[in-house]
Amino acid sequence: MKEELLVNVTPQETRVAVVENGGLQELHIERARSRGIVANIYKGKVVRVLPGMQAAFVDIGIERTAFLHAADIVSHRLAAAGLGNDPSVSEESVLNESASRPDITELVHEGQEIVVQIAKDPIGTKGARLTTQLSIPSRYLVLLPGSIHRGISQRIQDDDERHRLLEALDVAIAGQDLQAGFIVRTAAESQHHIHFEKEIEFLSRSWRLIQQRMAGASAGALIHEDLPLSLRVIRDLARDDIEKIRVDSRETFALMHQFAIDLMPEIADRIEIYPGERPIFDLYSVEDEIQRALDRTVHLKSGGSLVFDQTEAMTTVDVNTGGFVGKRNLEETLFKTNMEAAQAIARQLRLRNIGGIIIVDFIDMEDDEHRRQLMNAFERALAKDRTRCHIADMSVLGLVEVTRKRTRESLERQMSEACPACQGRGTQKTAHTVCYEIFREILREARAFEAKGYLVVAAQNVIDILLDEESTGLADLQEFIGRPIHLQVEPTHHQESYDVVLM
């Protein structure tokens, strides 16, 4: 599989495209005015404790207070219980020990200053999610200050490989006076000549600098900021199967190349400057793919389609057959459309960065073997995703529930906003509906205020209906309230917008 990373840099934003076999699979965007804050470390101040929710709200100096749950406050009892060095204990169970968790009121109190790290960016109306278990990632390791846990990424499932990596970690740590735990990252899998010593030195140096800043930080201060996207590309995305990393900025290229030499020299030769006259995202039609990823409907090669509807609670994906007709029978048509849709949905979830609960409405099929093959194909397609996904069995109605970890805004939320006319509904009120609202508004105004008359300011098509189809109703209303009603077209008003002005 041929895989490349394309890095497009402007003063306003950095964009990274992950391209596999000539097709865009992922897009990462970082804008200068709204950089993500995941992994940033702050000195925060507890402003409110909610015992009923077992949580606290913490002021970290950003627009909205951030959310800290009791399960995300580090307890050191695991170390005392001897679980810290057990590789069978998952990272999540170490960081989220909740069975014997003290009450939130025993852990924090209002006014308390506390060092926290961002676990999830603010999404929609929700504030950032915090943890007090600090973590500092490098290429193959994550350092956990204050912990003694040593573990392996859950995505590495082969027991022999897990044992080999844990032995390599033990060898690297042996003899060093380190008050920290480590997690081996997924990127270390199949790296047969791996040595962790250099990374441990890098992480230890980083942690010492953070400790120095923590000592003098005041509440609301940013103590440590994660790497910019151009460097996170090297750390997080540059796997062995990446053939090239092309960047269109000489300054950024120099920074990326030096960072690679310092942290992972085996990647340095794959980073190259893009000298082409065409914009770098014109390669592989990346710009066109981005535009299509913002559309509600995705057209399949077979003639079928996918319809994505994103809400705060969940995302639904509806699979339609379109004009595709099977050569044999209807069942073949449904099966082939569903199989193509499974691959397309997995790709679109990555590309659009859709997280949370996703409900996929596959076309219902009667053949149990076809349903089994579809689920297997969908699971294999989702397994390629770097973000953790979980898939439930298909229901009798052909619905499949997928959960995908959400740590940042989706592509749609990053690049789009709600339509000012329909407020994101995707529809608008009819002109007749708006006319009847205007009638009701005039009645309310007439009952509440004494006025000589009323001026209705509205869009052209609304005024046209008031003068034509609803002219009788308008005349009856004037007679009923005993006041004249005047009409005025406002070209800048959209169909749902109107004003009733007292004269």
Protein backbone atom coordinates (compact mmCIF):
# COMPACT_ATOMS: atom_id res chain seq x y z
CA MET A 1 0.00 0.00 0.00
CA LYS A 2 1.47 3.33 -1.10
CA GLU A 3 0.95 6.05 1.49
CA GLU A 4 2.03 9.69 1.46
CA LEU A 5 1.57 12.72 3.68
CA LEU A 6 1.04 16.09 2.02
CA VAL A 7 1.65 19.16 4.22
CA ASN A 8 0.21 22.47 3.05
CA VAL A 9 1.36 25.50 5.07
CA THR A 10 0.11 29.10 5.00
CA PRO A 11 0.42 31.78 7.71
CA GLN A 12 -3.23 31.19 8.60
CA GLU A 13 -3.41 27.41 8.71
CA THR A 14 -1.60 24.11 8.29
CA ARG A 15 -3.31 21.19 6.56
CA VAL A 16 -2.11 17.60 6.37
CA ALA A 17 -3.59 15.09 3.93
CA VAL A 18 -3.09 11.35 4.43
CA VAL A 19 -3.19 9.77 0.97
CA GLU A 20 -3.37 6.01 0.43
CA ASN A 21 -3.08 4.57 -3.07
CA GLY A 22 -3.92 7.95 -4.57
CA GLY A 23 -7.05 8.52 -2.45
CA LEU A 24 -7.52 10.98 0.41
CA GLN A 25 -8.15 9.09 3.67
CA GLU A 26 -7.67 11.67 6.43
CA LEU A 27 -7.42 15.44 6.70
CA HIS A 28 -5.94 17.28 9.67
CA ILE A 29 -6.36 21.05 9.98
CA GLU A 30 -4.78 23.47 12.43
CA ARG A 31 -5.62 27.16 12.22
CA ALA A 32 -3.42 29.78 13.82
CA ARG A 33 -6.36 31.53 15.46
CA SER A 34 -7.95 28.35 16.85
CA ARG A 35 -5.32 25.71 17.51
CA GLY A 36 -6.52 22.57 19.23
CA ILE A 37 -5.55 22.31 22.88
CA VAL A 38 -5.51 18.53 23.42
CA ALA A 39 -2.39 17.51 25.44
CA ASN A 40 -1.80 21.09 26.64
CA ILE A 41 -1.02 21.34 30.36
CA TYR A 42 -2.48 24.17 32.48
CA LYS A 43 -2.45 25.40 36.05
CA GLY A 44 -6.19 25.48 36.71
CA LYS A 45 -8.46 26.65 39.52
CA VAL A 46 -11.52 24.71 40.66
CA VAL A 47 -14.52 27.04 40.43
CA ARG A 48 -17.36 24.60 41.12
CA VAL A 49 -17.73 21.10 42.54
CA LEU A 50 -20.81 19.01 41.63
CA PRO A 51 -21.12 15.99 43.97
CA GLY A 52 -24.17 14.68 42.09
CA MET A 53 -22.16 14.42 38.85
CA GLN A 54 -18.94 13.44 40.66
CA ALA A 55 -17.25 16.21 38.71
CA ALA A 56 -15.78 19.68 38.97
CA PHE A 57 -15.52 22.67 36.64
CA VAL A 58 -12.04 24.15 36.36
CA ASP A 59 -11.00 27.58 35.07
CA ILE A 60 -7.90 27.11 32.92
CA GLY A 61 -7.89 30.56 31.37
CA ILE A 62 -9.85 29.76 28.19
CA GLU A 63 -13.33 30.87 27.13
CA ARG A 64 -15.32 28.05 28.79
CA THR A 65 -14.61 26.32 32.06
CA ALA A 66 -13.35 22.77 31.58
CA PHE A 67 -14.81 19.54 32.95
CA LEU A 68 -12.94 17.24 35.35
CA HIS A 69 -14.59 13.98 36.39
CA ALA A 70 -13.60 12.11 39.54
CA ALA A 71 -12.55 9.14 37.38
CA ASP A 72 -9.96 11.38 35.68
CA ILE A 73 -8.30 12.42 38.92
CA VAL A 74 -5.23 10.26 39.51
CA SER A 75 -5.28 7.97 42.51
CA HIS A 76 -1.98 6.50 43.66
CA ARG A 77 -3.61 3.51 45.33
CA LEU A 78 -3.02 1.38 42.23
CA ALA A 79 0.69 1.55 42.80
CA ALA A 80 0.21 0.53 46.40
CA ALA A 81 -1.96 -2.37 45.26
CA GLY A 82 0.85 -3.66 43.04
CA LEU A 83 -0.95 -3.20 39.73
CA GLY A 84 1.42 -0.65 38.28
CA ASN A 85 3.74 -3.04 36.44
CA ASP A 86 1.13 -5.56 35.26
CA PRO A 87 1.00 -5.33 31.44
CA SER A 88 -2.38 -7.06 31.45
CA VAL A 89 -3.86 -4.00 33.17
CA SER A 90 -4.94 -1.60 30.40
CA GLU A 91 -3.94 2.03 30.28
CA GLU A 92 -7.60 2.99 30.65
CA SER A 93 -8.03 0.92 33.81
CA VAL A 94 -4.95 2.49 35.36
CA LEU A 95 -6.00 6.05 34.54
CA ASN A 96 -9.71 5.55 35.24
CA GLU A 97 -9.81 3.46 38.40
CA SER A 98 -13.39 4.14 39.51
CA ALA A 99 -14.54 1.10 41.48
CA SER A 100 -13.06 2.44 44.73
CA ARG A 101 -12.74 6.08 43.73
CA PRO A 102 -13.18 8.56 46.59
CA ASP A 103 -16.02 11.07 46.43
CA ILE A 104 -15.24 14.15 44.32
CA THR A 105 -15.51 16.33 47.44
CA GLU A 106 -12.60 14.36 48.95
CA LEU A 107 -10.45 14.94 45.87
CA VAL A 108 -10.91 18.66 45.10
CA HIS A 109 -12.53 21.75 46.59
CA GLU A 110 -13.55 25.14 45.24
CA GLY A 111 -10.67 27.57 44.96
CA GLN A 112 -8.07 24.80 44.76
CA GLU A 113 -5.28 25.20 42.21
CA ILE A 114 -4.59 22.04 40.23
CA VAL A 115 -2.36 21.01 37.33
CA VAL A 116 -4.44 19.45 34.55
CA GLN A 117 -4.06 18.28 30.96
CA ILE A 118 -6.58 18.54 28.12
CA ALA A 119 -7.94 15.10 27.20
CA LYS A 120 -10.56 16.36 24.71
CA ASP A 121 -10.95 19.67 22.92
CA PRO A 122 -14.11 21.73 23.52
CA ILE A 123 -16.71 20.30 21.14
CA GLY A 124 -19.93 22.13 20.31
CA THR A 125 -21.32 23.54 23.54
CA LYS A 126 -19.22 21.24 25.74
CA GLY A 127 -16.11 22.51 27.50
CA ALA A 128 -12.77 20.75 27.35
CA ARG A 129 -12.39 17.42 29.18
CA LEU A 130 -9.52 17.31 31.70
CA THR A 131 -7.36 14.76 33.44
CA THR A 132 -4.80 15.10 36.22
CA GLN A 133 -2.82 12.13 34.88
CA LEU A 134 -0.30 13.98 32.78
CA SER A 135 1.09 12.22 29.73
CA ILE A 136 3.89 13.25 27.39
CA PRO A 137 4.10 11.37 24.08
CA SER A 138 7.07 10.69 21.86
CA ARG A 139 7.27 8.51 18.76
CA TYR A 140 6.99 5.11 20.45
CA LEU A 141 6.36 5.90 24.12
CA VAL A 142 4.08 7.89 26.40
CA LEU A 143 5.58 9.04 29.70
CA LEU A 144 3.22 9.09 32.71
CA PRO A 145 4.71 11.31 35.45
CA GLY A 146 3.89 10.20 38.97
CA SER A 147 2.91 6.69 37.90
CA ILE A 148 4.81 3.40 37.96
CA HIS A 149 2.63 1.69 35.37
CA ARG A 150 4.31 0.06 32.38
CA GLY A 151 1.98 -1.14 29.68
CA ILE A 152 1.41 -1.74 25.99
CA SER A 153 -1.12 -0.12 23.67
CA GLN A 154 -4.34 -2.12 23.54
CA ARG A 155 -4.22 -2.02 19.73
CA ILE A 156 -1.18 -4.34 19.86
CA GLN A 157 -2.94 -7.65 20.43
CA ASP A 158 -0.29 -10.29 19.68
CA ASP A 159 0.92 -11.69 23.04
CA ASP A 160 4.45 -12.41 21.82
CA GLU A 161 4.79 -8.89 20.43
CA ARG A 162 3.50 -7.36 23.66
CA HIS A 163 5.99 -9.42 25.67
CA ARG A 164 8.90 -8.44 23.36
CA LEU A 165 8.12 -4.74 23.61
CA LEU A 166 7.72 -4.88 27.38
CA GLU A 167 11.13 -6.56 27.66
CA ALA A 168 12.68 -3.84 25.47
CA LEU A 169 11.12 -1.20 27.72
CA ASP A 170 12.42 -2.91 30.88
CA VAL A 171 15.93 -3.03 29.40
CA ALA A 172 15.81 0.68 28.57
CA ILE A 173 14.54 1.65 32.03
CA ALA A 174 16.88 -0.65 34.00
CA GLY A 175 19.29 1.27 36.18
CA GLN A 176 17.62 4.63 35.63
CA ASP A 177 16.11 6.57 38.51
CA LEU A 178 12.77 7.40 36.90
CA GLN A 179 9.66 8.29 38.90
CA ALA A 180 7.37 7.73 35.95
CA GLY A 181 5.40 5.12 34.09
CA PHE A 182 5.45 4.35 30.38
CA ILE A 183 3.01 3.16 27.72
CA VAL A 184 4.38 1.66 24.51
CA ARG A 185 2.48 3.19 21.59
CA THR A 186 0.98 1.33 18.63
CA ALA A 187 3.67 2.71 16.32
CA ALA A 188 6.24 0.46 18.04
CA GLU A 189 4.55 -2.71 16.74
CA SER A 190 6.83 -4.80 14.45
CA GLN A 191 9.81 -2.49 15.06
CA HIS A 192 12.23 -5.39 15.61
CA HIS A 193 15.36 -3.35 16.29
CA ILE A 194 13.70 -0.87 18.57
CA HIS A 195 15.61 0.83 21.39
CA PHE A 196 13.74 3.11 23.78
CA GLU A 197 16.74 4.75 25.49
CA LYS A 198 16.82 7.83 23.23
CA GLU A 199 13.11 8.41 23.61
CA ILE A 200 13.24 8.04 27.39
CA GLU A 201 16.00 10.66 27.46
CA PHE A 202 13.89 12.99 25.28
CA LEU A 203 10.80 12.50 27.47
CA SER A 204 12.72 12.95 30.72
CA ARG A 205 14.20 16.20 29.43
CA SER A 206 10.75 17.42 28.40
CA TRP A 207 9.29 16.55 31.82
CA ARG A 208 12.05 18.45 33.67
CA LEU A 209 11.25 21.57 31.65
CA ILE A 210 7.54 21.20 32.42
CA GLN A 211 8.28 20.84 36.14
CA GLN A 212 10.27 24.07 36.09
CA ARG A 213 7.35 25.93 34.50
CA MET A 214 4.85 24.37 36.92
CA ALA A 215 6.78 25.72 39.90
CA GLY A 216 6.27 29.35 38.92
CA ALA A 217 2.88 29.13 37.17
CA SER A 218 -0.19 30.99 38.41
CA ALA A 219 -3.84 29.87 38.02
CA GLY A 220 -4.97 29.98 34.40
CA ALA A 221 -1.43 29.75 33.01
CA LEU A 222 -0.48 27.52 30.08
CA ILE A 223 2.42 25.38 31.30
CA HIS A 224 3.06 23.19 28.26
CA GLU A 225 1.75 23.36 24.70
CA ASP A 226 1.65 20.35 22.42
CA LEU A 227 3.66 20.37 19.20
CA PRO A 228 2.27 22.19 16.15
CA LEU A 229 0.57 20.00 13.55
CA SER A 230 3.58 20.06 11.22
CA LEU A 231 5.69 18.31 13.88
CA ARG A 232 2.91 16.07 15.22
CA VAL A 233 2.83 14.64 11.69
CA ILE A 234 6.34 13.28 12.27
CA ARG A 235 5.59 12.02 15.76
CA ASP A 236 2.16 10.48 15.22
CA LEU A 237 1.55 9.76 11.54
CA ALA A 238 4.93 8.91 10.01
CA ARG A 239 4.78 5.12 10.15
CA ASP A 240 7.12 2.74 8.30
CA ASP A 241 4.70 2.39 5.39
CA ILE A 242 4.81 6.14 4.69
CA GLU A 243 6.81 6.53 1.48
CA LYS A 244 7.05 10.33 1.38
CA ILE A 245 6.21 13.39 3.42
CA ARG A 246 5.93 16.37 1.06
CA VAL A 247 5.74 19.91 2.44
CA ASP A 248 5.30 23.11 0.44
CA SER A 249 7.03 25.49 2.89
CA ARG A 250 10.85 25.62 3.07
CA GLU A 251 10.79 27.00 6.62
CA THR A 252 8.44 24.26 7.83
CA PHE A 253 10.46 21.65 5.93
CA ALA A 254 13.60 22.70 7.84
CA LEU A 255 11.79 22.42 11.20
CA MET A 256 10.29 19.03 10.33
CA HIS A 257 13.59 17.66 9.02
CA GLN A 258 15.51 18.71 12.14
CA PHE A 259 12.79 17.35 14.42
CA ALA A 260 12.95 14.01 12.61
CA ILE A 261 16.74 13.88 12.93
CA ASP A 262 16.46 14.51 16.68
CA LEU A 263 13.63 12.05 17.39
CA MET A 264 13.43 9.51 14.55
CA PRO A 265 16.30 9.80 12.08
CA GLU A 266 14.98 6.89 9.99
CA ILE A 267 12.16 9.18 8.79
CA ALA A 268 14.29 12.21 7.93
CA ASP A 269 15.16 11.14 4.37
CA ARG A 270 11.48 10.71 3.49
CA ILE A 271 10.69 14.38 4.16
CA GLU A 272 11.05 16.47 1.05
CA ILE A 273 10.23 19.96 -0.13
CA TYR A 274 7.50 20.19 -2.76
CA PRO A 275 8.77 22.47 -5.55
CA GLY A 276 5.85 22.17 -7.95
CA GLU A 277 4.06 25.19 -9.41
CA ARG A 278 0.65 23.57 -8.88
CA PRO A 279 -0.66 23.79 -5.29
CA ILE A 280 0.34 20.67 -3.37
CA PHE A 281 -3.30 19.77 -2.63
CA ASP A 282 -3.99 19.60 -6.34
CA LEU A 283 -2.03 16.35 -6.26
CA TYR A 284 -4.44 13.41 -6.11
CA SER A 285 -7.32 15.95 -6.35
CA VAL A 286 -7.20 16.51 -2.59
CA GLU A 287 -9.01 19.88 -2.76
CA ASP A 288 -11.89 18.30 -4.68
CA GLU A 289 -12.10 15.48 -2.13
CA ILE A 290 -12.30 17.99 0.71
CA GLN A 291 -15.20 19.78 -0.95
CA ARG A 292 -17.03 16.48 -1.44
CA ALA A 293 -16.42 15.59 2.23
CA LEU A 294 -18.50 18.62 3.23
CA ASP A 295 -21.49 17.43 1.19
CA ARG A 296 -24.37 15.64 2.88
CA THR A 297 -24.59 13.03 0.11
CA VAL A 298 -21.79 10.74 -1.06
CA HIS A 299 -22.34 9.08 -4.43
CA LEU A 300 -21.13 5.51 -4.87
CA LYS A 301 -19.65 4.19 -8.11
CA SER A 302 -22.48 1.67 -8.43
CA GLY A 303 -25.08 4.45 -8.53
CA GLY A 304 -26.07 4.12 -4.88
CA SER A 305 -25.45 6.83 -2.30
CA LEU A 306 -24.79 7.57 1.36
CA VAL A 307 -26.58 10.36 3.21
CA PHE A 308 -24.84 11.74 6.34
CA ASP A 309 -26.81 13.65 8.98
CA GLN A 310 -24.76 15.01 11.87
CA THR A 311 -26.34 16.18 15.15
CA GLU A 312 -25.07 16.84 18.67
CA ALA A 313 -26.24 13.43 19.87
CA MET A 314 -25.21 11.19 16.98
CA THR A 315 -24.55 10.84 13.28
CA THR A 316 -26.77 8.76 11.00
CA VAL A 317 -25.71 7.27 7.68
CA ASP A 318 -28.43 6.11 5.30
CA VAL A 319 -27.50 3.74 2.47
CA ASN A 320 -29.58 4.06 -0.72
CA THR A 321 -29.51 1.89 -3.84
CA GLY A 322 -30.07 4.72 -6.30
CA GLY A 323 -30.23 3.52 -9.89
CA PHE A 324 -28.09 0.40 -9.37
CA VAL A 325 -29.79 -2.76 -10.65
CA GLY A 326 -28.23 -6.19 -10.15
CA LYS A 327 -27.76 -8.59 -13.02
CA ARG A 328 -29.59 -11.43 -11.30
CA ASN A 329 -32.04 -10.25 -8.70
CA LEU A 330 -32.86 -7.66 -6.10
CA GLU A 331 -30.94 -9.43 -3.33
CA GLU A 332 -27.73 -9.21 -5.37
CA THR A 333 -28.34 -5.49 -5.90
CA LEU A 334 -28.77 -4.88 -2.17
CA PHE A 335 -25.73 -6.96 -1.22
CA LYS A 336 -23.37 -5.27 -3.69
CA THR A 337 -24.56 -1.81 -2.73
CA ASN A 338 -24.12 -2.56 0.98
CA MET A 339 -20.62 -4.00 0.43
CA GLU A 340 -19.51 -0.90 -1.47
CA ALA A 341 -21.16 1.30 1.15
CA ALA A 342 -19.27 -0.43 3.99
CA GLN A 343 -15.89 0.53 2.48
CA ALA A 344 -17.06 4.06 1.67
CA ILE A 345 -18.50 4.66 5.15
CA ALA A 346 -15.29 3.57 6.90
CA ARG A 347 -13.31 5.97 4.69
CA GLN A 348 -15.76 8.83 5.19
CA LEU A 349 -15.70 8.45 8.99
CA ARG A 350 -11.92 8.92 8.90
CA LEU A 351 -12.00 11.72 6.35
CA ARG A 352 -14.82 13.64 8.03
CA ASN A 353 -13.44 12.77 11.50
CA ILE A 354 -16.90 11.85 12.75
CA GLY A 355 -16.91 10.68 16.36
CA GLY A 356 -19.35 9.57 19.03
CA ILE A 357 -22.33 7.37 18.17
CA ILE A 358 -22.86 6.57 14.49
CA ILE A 359 -25.95 4.68 13.30
CA VAL A 360 -25.60 3.09 9.86
CA ASP A 361 -28.84 2.14 8.12
CA PHE A 362 -27.76 -0.50 5.65
CA ILE A 363 -30.31 -1.71 3.12
CA ASP A 364 -32.18 -4.65 4.64
CA MET A 365 -31.19 -8.06 3.22
CA GLU A 366 -32.92 -11.40 3.70
CA ASP A 367 -29.87 -13.64 3.16
CA ASP A 368 -28.12 -14.32 6.50
CA GLU A 369 -24.86 -15.17 4.72
CA HIS A 370 -24.91 -11.80 2.97
CA ARG A 371 -25.44 -10.07 6.32
CA ARG A 372 -22.51 -11.98 7.83
CA GLN A 373 -20.21 -11.11 4.93
CA LEU A 374 -21.23 -7.46 5.13
CA MET A 375 -20.45 -7.22 8.85
CA ASN A 376 -17.05 -8.89 8.34
CA ALA A 377 -16.22 -6.47 5.51
CA PHE A 378 -17.32 -3.47 7.59
CA GLU A 379 -15.21 -4.58 10.57
CA ARG A 380 -12.14 -5.02 8.34
CA ALA A 381 -12.66 -1.57 6.84
CA LEU A 382 -13.00 0.06 10.27
CA ALA A 383 -9.87 -1.76 11.50
CA LYS A 384 -7.76 0.49 9.24
CA ASP A 385 -8.84 3.54 11.25
CA ARG A 386 -6.19 5.01 13.57
CA THR A 387 -8.98 6.15 15.88
CA ARG A 388 -10.50 3.46 18.09
CA CYS A 389 -13.85 2.17 16.81
CA HIS A 390 -16.32 -0.33 18.22
CA ILE A 391 -19.00 -1.98 16.12
CA ALA A 392 -22.18 -3.68 17.39
CA ASP A 393 -24.08 -6.50 15.69
CA MET A 394 -26.57 -5.63 12.98
CA SER A 395 -30.16 -5.35 14.19
CA VAL A 396 -33.07 -7.09 12.49
CA LEU A 397 -33.83 -3.79 10.76
CA GLY A 398 -30.38 -3.60 9.21
CA LEU A 399 -29.09 -0.94 11.64
CA VAL A 400 -25.46 -1.06 12.82
CA GLU A 401 -24.21 1.03 15.75
CA VAL A 402 -20.61 2.21 15.63
CA THR A 403 -18.84 4.20 18.31
CA ARG A 404 -15.73 6.14 17.30
CA LYS A 405 -13.58 7.97 19.79
CA ARG A 406 -14.09 11.72 19.56
CA THR A 407 -11.28 14.04 20.67
CA ARG A 408 -11.68 17.00 18.28
CA GLU A 409 -14.27 18.65 16.10
CA SER A 410 -15.39 16.92 12.92
CA LEU A 411 -14.34 18.29 9.53
CA GLU A 412 -17.84 19.72 9.05
CA ARG A 413 -17.73 21.58 12.37
CA GLN A 414 -14.20 22.86 11.64
CA MET A 415 -14.95 24.17 8.16
CA SER A 416 -18.68 24.92 8.15
CA GLU A 417 -21.29 26.75 10.18
CA ALA A 418 -25.05 26.60 10.48
CA CYS A 419 -27.00 28.29 7.69
CA PRO A 420 -28.29 31.64 9.07
CA ALA A 421 -31.62 31.08 7.31
CA CYS A 422 -32.44 27.58 8.52
CA GLN A 423 -30.13 27.43 11.59
CA GLY A 424 -28.63 24.15 10.47
CA ARG A 425 -31.93 22.34 9.93
CA GLY A 426 -31.36 21.97 6.21
CA THR A 427 -34.88 23.27 5.54
CA GLN A 428 -36.74 26.55 5.88
CA LYS A 429 -40.32 27.58 6.62
CA THR A 430 -42.56 28.06 3.61
CA ALA A 431 -43.57 31.57 2.62
CA HIS A 432 -47.17 30.77 3.61
CA THR A 433 -46.04 29.69 7.09
CA VAL A 434 -44.18 32.98 7.49
CA CYS A 435 -47.30 34.92 6.39
CA TYR A 436 -49.37 33.27 9.11
CA GLU A 437 -46.66 34.03 11.69
CA ILE A 438 -46.81 37.68 10.62
CA PHE A 439 -50.61 37.71 11.12
CA ARG A 440 -50.19 36.31 14.65
CA GLU A 441 -47.42 38.79 15.43
CA ILE A 442 -49.62 41.74 14.35
CA LEU A 443 -52.43 40.49 16.58
CA ARG A 444 -50.04 40.27 19.57
CA GLU A 445 -48.76 43.78 18.90
CA ALA A 446 -52.28 45.18 18.55
CA ARG A 447 -53.30 43.74 21.93
CA ALA A 448 -50.17 44.99 23.69
CA PHE A 449 -49.64 48.46 22.20
CA GLU A 450 -51.59 51.42 20.86
CA ALA A 451 -50.30 52.20 17.38
CA LYS A 452 -51.56 54.17 14.39
CA GLY A 453 -50.63 51.35 12.05
CA TYR A 454 -48.15 48.55 11.33
CA LEU A 455 -45.38 48.15 8.77
CA VAL A 456 -44.45 44.60 7.70
CA VAL A 457 -40.90 44.33 6.33
CA ALA A 458 -40.22 40.96 4.71
CA ALA A 459 -38.67 39.11 1.76
CA GLN A 460 -40.06 39.62 -1.74
CA ASN A 461 -41.82 36.22 -2.00
CA VAL A 462 -43.52 36.70 1.39
CA ILE A 463 -44.80 40.16 0.41
CA ASP A 464 -45.99 38.75 -2.94
CA ILE A 465 -48.15 36.15 -1.17
CA LEU A 466 -49.57 38.77 1.24
CA LEU A 467 -50.62 40.87 -1.75
CA ASP A 468 -52.02 37.95 -3.73
CA GLU A 469 -53.16 34.68 -2.16
CA GLU A 470 -53.45 36.08 1.38
CA SER A 471 -54.80 39.52 0.44
CA THR A 472 -58.27 38.66 1.75
CA GLY A 473 -56.82 37.51 5.08
CA LEU A 474 -54.74 40.69 5.30
CA ALA A 475 -57.84 42.84 4.64
CA ASP A 476 -59.84 40.95 7.28
CA LEU A 477 -57.02 41.45 9.81
CA GLN A 478 -56.90 45.23 9.16
CA GLU A 479 -60.66 45.44 9.70
CA PHE A 480 -60.42 43.39 12.89
CA ILE A 481 -57.67 45.52 14.55
CA GLY A 482 -58.95 48.81 13.07
CA ARG A 483 -55.52 49.91 11.95
CA PRO A 484 -53.82 50.01 8.52
CA ILE A 485 -51.11 47.47 7.65
CA HIS A 486 -48.40 48.57 5.21
CA LEU A 487 -46.02 46.24 3.36
CA GLN A 488 -42.37 46.79 2.40
CA VAL A 489 -39.92 44.50 0.60
CA GLU A 490 -36.46 44.14 2.12
CA PRO A 491 -34.10 42.45 -0.42
CA THR A 492 -31.58 41.47 2.25
CA HIS A 493 -34.14 39.47 4.27
CA HIS A 494 -34.21 35.71 3.79
CA GLN A 495 -37.56 33.95 3.62
CA GLU A 496 -37.97 33.33 7.37
CA SER A 497 -36.91 36.83 8.39
CA TYR A 498 -39.42 39.64 8.89
CA ASP A 499 -40.10 42.68 11.07
CA VAL A 500 -43.40 44.15 12.29
CA VAL A 501 -42.82 47.87 12.98
CA LEU A 502 -45.24 50.02 15.00
CA MET A 503 -46.12 53.30 13.28
